[in-house]
Amino acid sequence: MKVWKIASVTVLFALVSVYAYQEIQVNQEIQFRKPLTTAEVDGLAAITAGQMDCNWSYESTDEGEWLRLRSVAERKVDVTFQARFMAAMGKYQGLDPDKQCDLLDKYPNLVRRWHD
């Protein structure tokens, strides 16, 4: 009888885990399909501009990679995305390298400085 209870609890736990995993997958898919907000496009433009001439090495965080993936997907389905992105990039043209590094430091959720 005790073995049956343990097996039942194990199966129940496995079913709940599978359901939770599927819920996470569905929620990620929904988030992935949402159009990028103006703030997200601006953040992406800022870190793109910042990485051009900044003499520090930066790497994308998980959130930064997720944003880049979403932007690639959106670029494929939204013809206005490139114009929105270029308009946001226009704000950051002509910055010296120090200012570009400052841009990257403003978005620690998207990029982090890479230390050797």
PDB file of N, CA and C in Angstrom:
ATOM      1  N   MET A   1       0.820  -1.198   0.000  1.00  0.00           N
ATOM      2  CA  MET A   1       0.000   0.000   0.000  1.00  0.00           C
ATOM      3  C   MET A   1       0.865   1.264   0.000  1.00  0.00           C
ATOM      4  N   LYS A   2       1.946   1.243   0.770  1.00  0.00           N
ATOM      5  CA  LYS A   2       2.818   2.403   0.857  1.00  0.00           C
ATOM      6  C   LYS A   2       3.496   2.680  -0.487  1.00  0.00           C
ATOM      7  N   VAL A   3       3.895   1.629  -1.195  1.00  0.00           N
ATOM      8  CA  VAL A   3       4.520   1.783  -2.507  1.00  0.00           C
ATOM      9  C   VAL A   3       3.536   2.423  -3.476  1.00  0.00           C
ATOM     10  N   TRP A   4       2.277   2.028  -3.399  1.00  0.00           N
ATOM     11  CA  TRP A   4       1.244   2.591  -4.276  1.00  0.00           C
ATOM     12  C   TRP A   4       1.091   4.089  -4.029  1.00  0.00           C
ATOM     13  N   LYS A   5       1.112   4.508  -2.769  1.00  0.00           N
ATOM     14  CA  LYS A   5       0.988   5.930  -2.434  1.00  0.00           C
ATOM     15  C   LYS A   5       2.184   6.722  -2.967  1.00  0.00           C
ATOM     16  N   ILE A   6       3.373   6.155  -2.804  1.00  0.00           N
ATOM     17  CA  ILE A   6       4.577   6.834  -3.299  1.00  0.00           C
ATOM     18  C   ILE A   6       4.524   6.957  -4.814  1.00  0.00           C
ATOM     19  N   ALA A   7       4.099   5.894  -5.473  1.00  0.00           N
ATOM     20  CA  ALA A   7       3.989   5.919  -6.937  1.00  0.00           C
ATOM     21  C   ALA A   7       2.947   6.934  -7.383  1.00  0.00           C
ATOM     22  N   SER A   8       1.832   7.000  -6.675  1.00  0.00           N
ATOM     23  CA  SER A   8       0.772   7.956  -7.026  1.00  0.00           C
ATOM     24  C   SER A   8       1.254   9.396  -6.875  1.00  0.00           C
ATOM     25  N   VAL A   9       1.951   9.661  -5.795  1.00  0.00           N
ATOM     26  CA  VAL A   9       2.472  11.010  -5.562  1.00  0.00           C
ATOM     27  C   VAL A   9       3.511  11.355  -6.624  1.00  0.00           C
ATOM     28  N   THR A  10       4.341  10.403  -6.986  1.00  0.00           N
ATOM     29  CA  THR A  10       5.364  10.629  -8.012  1.00  0.00           C
ATOM     30  C   THR A  10       4.723  10.941  -9.356  1.00  0.00           C
ATOM     31  N   VAL A  11       3.703  10.175  -9.725  1.00  0.00           N
ATOM     32  CA  VAL A  11       2.997  10.412 -10.990  1.00  0.00           C
ATOM     33  C   VAL A  11       2.306  11.767 -10.953  1.00  0.00           C
ATOM     34  N   LEU A  12       1.668  12.089  -9.849  1.00  0.00           N
ATOM     35  CA  LEU A  12       0.996  13.383  -9.721  1.00  0.00           C
ATOM     36  C   LEU A  12       1.999  14.528  -9.841  1.00  0.00           C
ATOM     37  N   PHE A  13       3.139  14.399  -9.190  1.00  0.00           N
ATOM     38  CA  PHE A  13       4.184  15.418  -9.276  1.00  0.00           C
ATOM     39  C   PHE A  13       4.672  15.565 -10.712  1.00  0.00           C
ATOM     40  N   ALA A  14       4.853  14.457 -11.408  1.00  0.00           N
ATOM     41  CA  ALA A  14       5.304  14.500 -12.802  1.00  0.00           C
ATOM     42  C   ALA A  14       4.274  15.199 -13.684  1.00  0.00           C
ATOM     43  N   LEU A  15       3.003  14.911 -13.483  1.00  0.00           N
ATOM     44  CA  LEU A  15       1.949  15.559 -14.275  1.00  0.00           C
ATOM     45  C   LEU A  15       1.906  17.064 -14.026  1.00  0.00           C
ATOM     46  N   VAL A  16       2.023  17.458 -12.775  1.00  0.00           N
ATOM     47  CA  VAL A  16       2.027  18.885 -12.439  1.00  0.00           C
ATOM     48  C   VAL A  16       3.250  19.561 -13.057  1.00  0.00           C
ATOM     49  N   SER A  17       4.386  18.896 -13.028  1.00  0.00           N
ATOM     50  CA  SER A  17       5.607  19.461 -13.617  1.00  0.00           C
ATOM     51  C   SER A  17       5.464  19.652 -15.119  1.00  0.00           C
ATOM     52  N   VAL A  18       4.897  18.664 -15.798  1.00  0.00           N
ATOM     53  CA  VAL A  18       4.686  18.766 -17.247  1.00  0.00           C
ATOM     54  C   VAL A  18       3.729  19.907 -17.553  1.00  0.00           C
ATOM     55  N   TYR A  19       2.648  20.006 -16.786  1.00  0.00           N
ATOM     56  CA  TYR A  19       1.683  21.085 -16.998  1.00  0.00           C
ATOM     57  C   TYR A  19       2.346  22.448 -16.788  1.00  0.00           C
ATOM     58  N   ALA A  20       3.126  22.587 -15.734  1.00  0.00           N
ATOM     59  CA  ALA A  20       3.796  23.863 -15.455  1.00  0.00           C
ATOM     60  C   ALA A  20       4.771  24.213 -16.570  1.00  0.00           C
ATOM     61  N   TYR A  21       5.504  23.231 -17.065  1.00  0.00           N
ATOM     62  CA  TYR A  21       6.444  23.465 -18.159  1.00  0.00           C
ATOM     63  C   TYR A  21       5.710  23.932 -19.409  1.00  0.00           C
ATOM     64  N   GLN A  22       4.576  23.303 -19.712  1.00  0.00           N
ATOM     65  CA  GLN A  22       3.794  23.700 -20.884  1.00  0.00           C
ATOM     66  C   GLN A  22       3.246  25.113 -20.725  1.00  0.00           C
ATOM     67  N   GLU A  23       2.829  25.465 -19.525  1.00  0.00           N
ATOM     68  CA  GLU A  23       2.348  26.826 -19.262  1.00  0.00           C
ATOM     69  C   GLU A  23       3.457  27.846 -19.502  1.00  0.00           C
ATOM     70  N   ILE A  24       4.652  27.538 -19.040  1.00  0.00           N
ATOM     71  CA  ILE A  24       5.793  28.433 -19.245  1.00  0.00           C
ATOM     72  C   ILE A  24       6.068  28.593 -20.732  1.00  0.00           C
ATOM     73  N   GLN A  25       6.036  27.498 -21.479  1.00  0.00           N
ATOM     74  CA  GLN A  25       6.270  27.546 -22.919  1.00  0.00           C
ATOM     75  C   GLN A  25       5.229  28.418 -23.613  1.00  0.00           C
ATOM     76  N   VAL A  26       3.963  28.252 -23.253  1.00  0.00           N
ATOM     77  CA  VAL A  26       2.888  29.041 -23.859  1.00  0.00           C
ATOM     78  C   VAL A  26       3.073  30.516 -23.533  1.00  0.00           C
ATOM     79  N   ASN A  27       3.393  30.825 -22.278  1.00  0.00           N
ATOM     80  CA  ASN A  27       3.597  32.226 -21.889  1.00  0.00           C
ATOM     81  C   ASN A  27       4.778  32.844 -22.623  1.00  0.00           C
ATOM     82  N   GLN A  28       5.856  32.080 -22.805  1.00  0.00           N
ATOM     83  CA  GLN A  28       7.002  32.602 -23.552  1.00  0.00           C
ATOM     84  C   GLN A  28       6.634  32.848 -25.009  1.00  0.00           C
ATOM     85  N   GLU A  29       5.852  31.959 -25.585  1.00  0.00           N
ATOM     86  CA  GLU A  29       5.424  32.128 -26.979  1.00  0.00           C
ATOM     87  C   GLU A  29       4.564  33.382 -27.123  1.00  0.00           C
ATOM     88  N   ILE A  30       3.673  33.609 -26.169  1.00  0.00           N
ATOM     89  CA  ILE A  30       2.825  34.808 -26.196  1.00  0.00           C
ATOM     90  C   ILE A  30       3.693  36.057 -26.087  1.00  0.00           C
ATOM     91  N   GLN A  31       4.651  36.061 -25.158  1.00  0.00           N
ATOM     92  CA  GLN A  31       5.542  37.209 -24.996  1.00  0.00           C
ATOM     93  C   GLN A  31       6.383  37.437 -26.245  1.00  0.00           C
ATOM     94  N   PHE A  32       6.808  36.349 -26.876  1.00  0.00           N
ATOM     95  CA  PHE A  32       7.650  36.450 -28.063  1.00  0.00           C
ATOM     96  C   PHE A  32       6.904  37.110 -29.216  1.00  0.00           C
ATOM     97  N   ARG A  33       5.614  36.867 -29.300  1.00  0.00           N
ATOM     98  CA  ARG A  33       4.823  37.393 -30.419  1.00  0.00           C
ATOM     99  C   ARG A  33       4.347  38.827 -30.207  1.00  0.00           C
ATOM    100  N   LYS A  34       4.463  39.334 -28.983  1.00  0.00           N
ATOM    101  CA  LYS A  34       4.039  40.710 -28.731  1.00  0.00           C
ATOM    102  C   LYS A  34       4.976  41.675 -29.446  1.00  0.00           C
ATOM    103  N   PRO A  35       4.418  42.729 -30.049  1.00  0.00           N
ATOM    104  CA  PRO A  35       5.289  43.741 -30.670  1.00  0.00           C
ATOM    105  C   PRO A  35       6.151  44.422 -29.601  1.00  0.00           C
ATOM    106  N   LEU A  36       7.347  44.803 -29.997  1.00  0.00           N
ATOM    107  CA  LEU A  36       8.229  45.493 -29.068  1.00  0.00           C
ATOM    108  C   LEU A  36       7.669  46.877 -28.753  1.00  0.00           C
ATOM    109  N   THR A  37       7.785  47.268 -27.502  1.00  0.00           N
ATOM    110  CA  THR A  37       7.334  48.590 -27.096  1.00  0.00           C
ATOM    111  C   THR A  37       8.360  49.625 -27.546  1.00  0.00           C
ATOM    112  N   THR A  38       7.973  50.881 -27.474  1.00  0.00           N
ATOM    113  CA  THR A  38       8.890  51.965 -27.820  1.00  0.00           C
ATOM    114  C   THR A  38      10.119  51.932 -26.913  1.00  0.00           C
ATOM    115  N   ALA A  39       9.911  51.655 -25.630  1.00  0.00           N
ATOM    116  CA  ALA A  39      11.037  51.589 -24.688  1.00  0.00           C
ATOM    117  C   ALA A  39      11.979  50.436 -25.034  1.00  0.00           C
ATOM    118  N   GLU A  40      11.421  49.305 -25.459  1.00  0.00           N
ATOM    119  CA  GLU A  40      12.272  48.169 -25.833  1.00  0.00           C
ATOM    120  C   GLU A  40      13.074  48.473 -27.098  1.00  0.00           C
ATOM    121  N   VAL A  41      12.436  49.110 -28.075  1.00  0.00           N
ATOM    122  CA  VAL A  41      13.142  49.485 -29.306  1.00  0.00           C
ATOM    123  C   VAL A  41      14.233  50.495 -28.980  1.00  0.00           C
ATOM    124  N   ASP A  42      13.929  51.457 -28.109  1.00  0.00           N
ATOM    125  CA  ASP A  42      14.922  52.455 -27.721  1.00  0.00           C
ATOM    126  C   ASP A  42      16.095  51.801 -26.982  1.00  0.00           C
ATOM    127  N   GLY A  43      15.805  50.876 -26.086  1.00  0.00           N
ATOM    128  CA  GLY A  43      16.873  50.172 -25.376  1.00  0.00           C
ATOM    129  C   GLY A  43      17.749  49.375 -26.322  1.00  0.00           C
ATOM    130  N   LEU A  44      17.124  48.709 -27.275  1.00  0.00           N
ATOM    131  CA  LEU A  44      17.879  47.940 -28.265  1.00  0.00           C
ATOM    132  C   LEU A  44      18.745  48.862 -29.123  1.00  0.00           C
ATOM    133  N   ALA A  45      18.192  50.000 -29.514  1.00  0.00           N
ATOM    134  CA  ALA A  45      18.962  50.975 -30.304  1.00  0.00           C
ATOM    135  C   ALA A  45      20.125  51.529 -29.487  1.00  0.00           C
ATOM    136  N   ALA A  46      19.880  51.818 -28.218  1.00  0.00           N
ATOM    137  CA  ALA A  46      20.933  52.373 -27.361  1.00  0.00           C
ATOM    138  C   ALA A  46      22.088  51.394 -27.193  1.00  0.00           C
ATOM    139  N   ILE A  47      21.776  50.129 -26.942  1.00  0.00           N
ATOM    140  CA  ILE A  47      22.886  49.187 -26.753  1.00  0.00           C
ATOM    141  C   ILE A  47      23.577  48.872 -28.078  1.00  0.00           C
ATOM    142  N   THR A  48      22.833  48.912 -29.173  1.00  0.00           N
ATOM    143  CA  THR A  48      23.460  48.710 -30.483  1.00  0.00           C
ATOM    144  C   THR A  48      24.421  49.856 -30.777  1.00  0.00           C
ATOM    145  N   ALA A  49      23.959  51.092 -30.536  1.00  0.00           N
ATOM    146  CA  ALA A  49      24.821  52.261 -30.748  1.00  0.00           C
ATOM    147  C   ALA A  49      25.995  52.243 -29.775  1.00  0.00           C
ATOM    148  N   GLY A  50      25.742  51.858 -28.541  1.00  0.00           N
ATOM    149  CA  GLY A  50      26.796  51.828 -27.534  1.00  0.00           C
ATOM    150  C   GLY A  50      27.887  50.827 -27.841  1.00  0.00           C
ATOM    151  N   GLN A  51      27.530  49.729 -28.467  1.00  0.00           N
ATOM    152  CA  GLN A  51      28.518  48.695 -28.754  1.00  0.00           C
ATOM    153  C   GLN A  51      29.376  49.013 -29.976  1.00  0.00           C
ATOM    154  N   MET A  52      29.042  50.050 -30.712  1.00  0.00           N
ATOM    155  CA  MET A  52      29.793  50.357 -31.932  1.00  0.00           C
ATOM    156  C   MET A  52      31.242  50.743 -31.654  1.00  0.00           C
ATOM    157  N   ASP A  53      31.468  51.723 -30.791  1.00  0.00           N
ATOM    158  CA  ASP A  53      32.828  52.216 -30.570  1.00  0.00           C
ATOM    159  C   ASP A  53      33.272  52.197 -29.117  1.00  0.00           C
ATOM    160  N   CYS A  54      32.471  51.640 -28.241  1.00  0.00           N
ATOM    161  CA  CYS A  54      32.886  51.558 -26.839  1.00  0.00           C
ATOM    162  C   CYS A  54      34.076  50.613 -26.749  1.00  0.00           C
ATOM    163  N   ASN A  55      35.108  51.025 -26.010  1.00  0.00           N
ATOM    164  CA  ASN A  55      36.320  50.214 -25.952  1.00  0.00           C
ATOM    165  C   ASN A  55      36.280  49.154 -24.859  1.00  0.00           C
ATOM    166  N   TRP A  56      35.157  49.008 -24.179  1.00  0.00           N
ATOM    167  CA  TRP A  56      34.979  47.933 -23.215  1.00  0.00           C
ATOM    168  C   TRP A  56      34.235  46.799 -23.899  1.00  0.00           C
ATOM    169  N   SER A  57      34.468  45.597 -23.447  1.00  0.00           N
ATOM    170  CA  SER A  57      33.723  44.453 -23.977  1.00  0.00           C
ATOM    171  C   SER A  57      32.466  44.250 -23.140  1.00  0.00           C
ATOM    172  N   TYR A  58      31.354  44.106 -23.824  1.00  0.00           N
ATOM    173  CA  TYR A  58      30.081  43.854 -23.168  1.00  0.00           C
ATOM    174  C   TYR A  58      29.489  42.578 -23.726  1.00  0.00           C
ATOM    175  N   GLU A  59      28.693  41.905 -22.900  1.00  0.00           N
ATOM    176  CA  GLU A  59      27.974  40.732 -23.373  1.00  0.00           C
ATOM    177  C   GLU A  59      26.498  40.905 -23.041  1.00  0.00           C
ATOM    178  N   SER A  60      25.667  40.308 -23.838  1.00  0.00           N
ATOM    179  CA  SER A  60      24.229  40.402 -23.615  1.00  0.00           C
ATOM    180  C   SER A  60      23.825  39.531 -22.436  1.00  0.00           C
ATOM    181  N   THR A  61      22.865  40.022 -21.679  1.00  0.00           N
ATOM    182  CA  THR A  61      22.262  39.209 -20.631  1.00  0.00           C
ATOM    183  C   THR A  61      21.209  38.326 -21.294  1.00  0.00           C
ATOM    184  N   ASP A  62      20.599  37.458 -20.523  1.00  0.00           N
ATOM    185  CA  ASP A  62      19.519  36.625 -21.073  1.00  0.00           C
ATOM    186  C   ASP A  62      18.384  37.504 -21.589  1.00  0.00           C
ATOM    187  N   GLU A  63      18.069  38.556 -20.837  1.00  0.00           N
ATOM    188  CA  GLU A  63      17.012  39.476 -21.264  1.00  0.00           C
ATOM    189  C   GLU A  63      17.403  40.203 -22.550  1.00  0.00           C
ATOM    190  N   GLY A  64      18.670  40.570 -22.661  1.00  0.00           N
ATOM    191  CA  GLY A  64      19.148  41.222 -23.877  1.00  0.00           C
ATOM    192  C   GLY A  64      19.078  40.303 -25.087  1.00  0.00           C
ATOM    193  N   GLU A  65      19.452  39.040 -24.901  1.00  0.00           N
ATOM    194  CA  GLU A  65      19.363  38.060 -25.996  1.00  0.00           C
ATOM    195  C   GLU A  65      17.915  37.840 -26.405  1.00  0.00           C
ATOM    196  N   TRP A  66      17.031  37.751 -25.405  1.00  0.00           N
ATOM    197  CA  TRP A  66      15.605  37.572 -25.677  1.00  0.00           C
ATOM    198  C   TRP A  66      15.080  38.756 -26.492  1.00  0.00           C
ATOM    199  N   LEU A  67      15.484  39.958 -26.130  1.00  0.00           N
ATOM    200  CA  LEU A  67      15.053  41.151 -26.856  1.00  0.00           C
ATOM    201  C   LEU A  67      15.572  41.126 -28.292  1.00  0.00           C
ATOM    202  N   ARG A  68      16.793  40.726 -28.481  1.00  0.00           N
ATOM    203  CA  ARG A  68      17.342  40.628 -29.848  1.00  0.00           C
ATOM    204  C   ARG A  68      16.585  39.592 -30.679  1.00  0.00           C
ATOM    205  N   LEU A  69      16.281  38.454 -30.089  1.00  0.00           N
ATOM    206  CA  LEU A  69      15.514  37.434 -30.811  1.00  0.00           C
ATOM    207  C   LEU A  69      14.134  37.952 -31.197  1.00  0.00           C
ATOM    208  N   ARG A  70      13.496  38.636 -30.259  1.00  0.00           N
ATOM    209  CA  ARG A  70      12.180  39.212 -30.558  1.00  0.00           C
ATOM    210  C   ARG A  70      12.279  40.250 -31.664  1.00  0.00           C
ATOM    211  N   SER A  71      13.359  41.044 -31.666  1.00  0.00           N
ATOM    212  CA  SER A  71      13.494  42.078 -32.703  1.00  0.00           C
ATOM    213  C   SER A  71      13.703  41.448 -34.079  1.00  0.00           C
ATOM    214  N   VAL A  72      14.445  40.359 -34.143  1.00  0.00           N
ATOM    215  CA  VAL A  72      14.643  39.665 -35.422  1.00  0.00           C
ATOM    216  C   VAL A  72      13.311  39.124 -35.926  1.00  0.00           C
ATOM    217  N   ALA A  73      12.534  38.529 -35.037  1.00  0.00           N
ATOM    218  CA  ALA A  73      11.229  37.997 -35.430  1.00  0.00           C
ATOM    219  C   ALA A  73      10.292  39.120 -35.860  1.00  0.00           C
ATOM    220  N   GLU A  74      10.311  40.227 -35.128  1.00  0.00           N
ATOM    221  CA  GLU A  74       9.424  41.341 -35.474  1.00  0.00           C
ATOM    222  C   GLU A  74       9.827  41.976 -36.797  1.00  0.00           C
ATOM    223  N   ARG A  75      11.110  42.054 -37.049  1.00  0.00           N
ATOM    224  CA  ARG A  75      11.600  42.631 -38.306  1.00  0.00           C
ATOM    225  C   ARG A  75      11.037  41.858 -39.508  1.00  0.00           C
ATOM    226  N   LYS A  76      10.815  40.567 -39.327  1.00  0.00           N
ATOM    227  CA  LYS A  76      10.306  39.725 -40.415  1.00  0.00           C
ATOM    228  C   LYS A  76       8.824  39.940 -40.692  1.00  0.00           C
ATOM    229  N   VAL A  77       8.056  40.348 -39.683  1.00  0.00           N
ATOM    230  CA  VAL A  77       6.607  40.464 -39.864  1.00  0.00           C
ATOM    231  C   VAL A  77       6.091  41.903 -39.856  1.00  0.00           C
ATOM    232  N   ASP A  78       6.877  42.845 -39.363  1.00  0.00           N
ATOM    233  CA  ASP A  78       6.421  44.233 -39.258  1.00  0.00           C
ATOM    234  C   ASP A  78       7.314  45.123 -40.120  1.00  0.00           C
ATOM    235  N   VAL A  79       6.733  45.630 -41.192  1.00  0.00           N
ATOM    236  CA  VAL A  79       7.522  46.452 -42.123  1.00  0.00           C
ATOM    237  C   VAL A  79       7.925  47.787 -41.506  1.00  0.00           C
ATOM    238  N   THR A  80       7.256  48.220 -40.457  1.00  0.00           N
ATOM    239  CA  THR A  80       7.594  49.500 -39.831  1.00  0.00           C
ATOM    240  C   THR A  80       8.697  49.365 -38.778  1.00  0.00           C
ATOM    241  N   PHE A  81       9.048  48.140 -38.413  1.00  0.00           N
ATOM    242  CA  PHE A  81      10.024  47.969 -37.337  1.00  0.00           C
ATOM    243  C   PHE A  81      11.360  48.620 -37.667  1.00  0.00           C
ATOM    244  N   GLN A  82      11.858  48.409 -38.868  1.00  0.00           N
ATOM    245  CA  GLN A  82      13.173  48.958 -39.227  1.00  0.00           C
ATOM    246  C   GLN A  82      13.168  50.482 -39.142  1.00  0.00           C
ATOM    247  N   ALA A  83      12.076  51.101 -39.561  1.00  0.00           N
ATOM    248  CA  ALA A  83      11.977  52.563 -39.470  1.00  0.00           C
ATOM    249  C   ALA A  83      11.958  53.011 -38.006  1.00  0.00           C
ATOM    250  N   ARG A  84      11.230  52.295 -37.161  1.00  0.00           N
ATOM    251  CA  ARG A  84      11.189  52.618 -35.731  1.00  0.00           C
ATOM    252  C   ARG A  84      12.579  52.474 -35.113  1.00  0.00           C
ATOM    253  N   PHE A  85      13.270  51.407 -35.494  1.00  0.00           N
ATOM    254  CA  PHE A  85      14.600  51.156 -34.947  1.00  0.00           C
ATOM    255  C   PHE A  85      15.589  52.230 -35.397  1.00  0.00           C
ATOM    256  N   MET A  86      15.556  52.581 -36.679  1.00  0.00           N
ATOM    257  CA  MET A  86      16.484  53.592 -37.197  1.00  0.00           C
ATOM    258  C   MET A  86      16.201  54.965 -36.586  1.00  0.00           C
ATOM    259  N   ALA A  87      14.931  55.273 -36.357  1.00  0.00           N
ATOM    260  CA  ALA A  87      14.593  56.542 -35.699  1.00  0.00           C
ATOM    261  C   ALA A  87      15.163  56.568 -34.281  1.00  0.00           C
ATOM    262  N   ALA A  88      15.065  55.456 -33.582  1.00  0.00           N
ATOM    263  CA  ALA A  88      15.625  55.379 -32.230  1.00  0.00           C
ATOM    264  C   ALA A  88      17.151  55.474 -32.278  1.00  0.00           C
ATOM    265  N   MET A  89      17.772  54.836 -33.266  1.00  0.00           N
ATOM    266  CA  MET A  89      19.236  54.894 -33.416  1.00  0.00           C
ATOM    267  C   MET A  89      19.702  56.317 -33.704  1.00  0.00           C
ATOM    268  N   GLY A  90      18.876  57.101 -34.400  1.00  0.00           N
ATOM    269  CA  GLY A  90      19.235  58.471 -34.753  1.00  0.00           C
ATOM    270  C   GLY A  90      19.550  59.331 -33.549  1.00  0.00           C
ATOM    271  N   LYS A  91      18.942  59.013 -32.413  1.00  0.00           N
ATOM    272  CA  LYS A  91      19.191  59.787 -31.193  1.00  0.00           C
ATOM    273  C   LYS A  91      20.614  59.607 -30.677  1.00  0.00           C
ATOM    274  N   TYR A  92      21.251  58.535 -31.091  1.00  0.00           N
ATOM    275  CA  TYR A  92      22.555  58.194 -30.528  1.00  0.00           C
ATOM    276  C   TYR A  92      23.704  58.360 -31.518  1.00  0.00           C
ATOM    277  N   GLN A  93      23.450  58.966 -32.654  1.00  0.00           N
ATOM    278  CA  GLN A  93      24.499  59.157 -33.657  1.00  0.00           C
ATOM    279  C   GLN A  93      25.491  60.224 -33.198  1.00  0.00           C
ATOM    280  N   GLY A  94      26.756  60.033 -33.518  1.00  0.00           N
ATOM    281  CA  GLY A  94      27.777  61.041 -33.247  1.00  0.00           C
ATOM    282  C   GLY A  94      28.283  61.091 -31.821  1.00  0.00           C
ATOM    283  N   LEU A  95      27.994  60.087 -31.025  1.00  0.00           N
ATOM    284  CA  LEU A  95      28.490  60.081 -29.646  1.00  0.00           C
ATOM    285  C   LEU A  95      29.946  59.625 -29.615  1.00  0.00           C
ATOM    286  N   ASP A  96      30.718  60.223 -28.703  1.00  0.00           N
ATOM    287  CA  ASP A  96      32.098  59.751 -28.561  1.00  0.00           C
ATOM    288  C   ASP A  96      32.086  58.408 -27.814  1.00  0.00           C
ATOM    289  N   PRO A  97      33.191  57.659 -27.875  1.00  0.00           N
ATOM    290  CA  PRO A  97      33.222  56.324 -27.273  1.00  0.00           C
ATOM    291  C   PRO A  97      32.853  56.280 -25.790  1.00  0.00           C
ATOM    292  N   ASP A  98      33.244  57.299 -25.029  1.00  0.00           N
ATOM    293  CA  ASP A  98      32.890  57.303 -23.605  1.00  0.00           C
ATOM    294  C   ASP A  98      31.385  57.388 -23.406  1.00  0.00           C
ATOM    295  N   LYS A  99      30.731  58.214 -24.207  1.00  0.00           N
ATOM    296  CA  LYS A  99      29.272  58.346 -24.119  1.00  0.00           C
ATOM    297  C   LYS A  99      28.596  57.049 -24.562  1.00  0.00           C
ATOM    298  N   GLN A 100      29.205  56.368 -25.531  1.00  0.00           N
ATOM    299  CA  GLN A 100      28.641  55.093 -25.967  1.00  0.00           C
ATOM    300  C   GLN A 100      28.734  54.059 -24.842  1.00  0.00           C
ATOM    301  N   CYS A 101      29.842  54.060 -24.121  1.00  0.00           N
ATOM    302  CA  CYS A 101      29.975  53.158 -22.973  1.00  0.00           C
ATOM    303  C   CYS A 101      28.947  53.509 -21.897  1.00  0.00           C
ATOM    304  N   ASP A 102      28.708  54.813 -21.710  1.00  0.00           N
ATOM    305  CA  ASP A 102      27.693  55.246 -20.746  1.00  0.00           C
ATOM    306  C   ASP A 102      26.316  54.717 -21.127  1.00  0.00           C
ATOM    307  N   LEU A 103      26.027  54.692 -22.435  1.00  0.00           N
ATOM    308  CA  LEU A 103      24.750  54.137 -22.893  1.00  0.00           C
ATOM    309  C   LEU A 103      24.607  52.686 -22.454  1.00  0.00           C
ATOM    310  N   LEU A 104      25.668  51.927 -22.621  1.00  0.00           N
ATOM    311  CA  LEU A 104      25.613  50.514 -22.247  1.00  0.00           C
ATOM    312  C   LEU A 104      25.409  50.350 -20.747  1.00  0.00           C
ATOM    313  N   ASP A 105      26.035  51.224 -19.967  1.00  0.00           N
ATOM    314  CA  ASP A 105      25.884  51.143 -18.514  1.00  0.00           C
ATOM    315  C   ASP A 105      24.465  51.476 -18.058  1.00  0.00           C
ATOM    316  N   LYS A 106      23.694  52.168 -18.894  1.00  0.00           N
ATOM    317  CA  LYS A 106      22.312  52.510 -18.546  1.00  0.00           C
ATOM    318  C   LYS A 106      21.369  51.316 -18.667  1.00  0.00           C
ATOM    319  N   TYR A 107      21.819  50.255 -19.312  1.00  0.00           N
ATOM    320  CA  TYR A 107      20.955  49.098 -19.549  1.00  0.00           C
ATOM    321  C   TYR A 107      21.583  47.819 -18.985  1.00  0.00           C
ATOM    322  N   PRO A 108      21.774  47.761 -17.656  1.00  0.00           N
ATOM    323  CA  PRO A 108      22.400  46.563 -17.074  1.00  0.00           C
ATOM    324  C   PRO A 108      21.525  45.314 -17.190  1.00  0.00           C
ATOM    325  N   ASN A 109      20.235  45.511 -17.444  1.00  0.00           N
ATOM    326  CA  ASN A 109      19.365  44.353 -17.632  1.00  0.00           C
ATOM    327  C   ASN A 109      19.552  43.729 -19.021  1.00  0.00           C
ATOM    328  N   LEU A 110      20.134  44.488 -19.962  1.00  0.00           N
ATOM    329  CA  LEU A 110      20.306  43.992 -21.331  1.00  0.00           C
ATOM    330  C   LEU A 110      21.745  43.598 -21.651  1.00  0.00           C
ATOM    331  N   VAL A 111      22.710  44.333 -21.108  1.00  0.00           N
ATOM    332  CA  VAL A 111      24.129  44.021 -21.340  1.00  0.00           C
ATOM    333  C   VAL A 111      24.907  44.219 -20.039  1.00  0.00           C
ATOM    334  N   ARG A 112      26.005  43.515 -19.935  1.00  0.00           N
ATOM    335  CA  ARG A 112      26.889  43.708 -18.775  1.00  0.00           C
ATOM    336  C   ARG A 112      28.326  43.760 -19.270  1.00  0.00           C
ATOM    337  N   ARG A 113      29.113  44.520 -18.560  1.00  0.00           N
ATOM    338  CA  ARG A 113      30.523  44.668 -18.919  1.00  0.00           C
ATOM    339  C   ARG A 113      31.229  43.336 -18.692  1.00  0.00           C
ATOM    340  N   TRP A 114      32.038  42.974 -19.648  1.00  0.00           N
ATOM    341  CA  TRP A 114      32.752  41.706 -19.580  1.00  0.00           C
ATOM    342  C   TRP A 114      34.140  41.951 -19.032  1.00  0.00           C
ATOM    343  N   HIS A 115      34.454  41.292 -17.950  1.00  0.00           N
ATOM    344  CA  HIS A 115      35.773  41.439 -17.318  1.00  0.00           C
ATOM    345  C   HIS A 115      36.607  40.199 -17.611  1.00  0.00           C
ATOM    346  N   ASP A 116      37.863  40.416 -17.966  1.00  0.00           N
ATOM    347  CA  ASP A 116      38.772  39.283 -18.244  1.00  0.00           C
ATOM    348  C   ASP A 116      39.104  38.527 -16.984  1.00  0.00           C
TER     349      ASP A 116
END
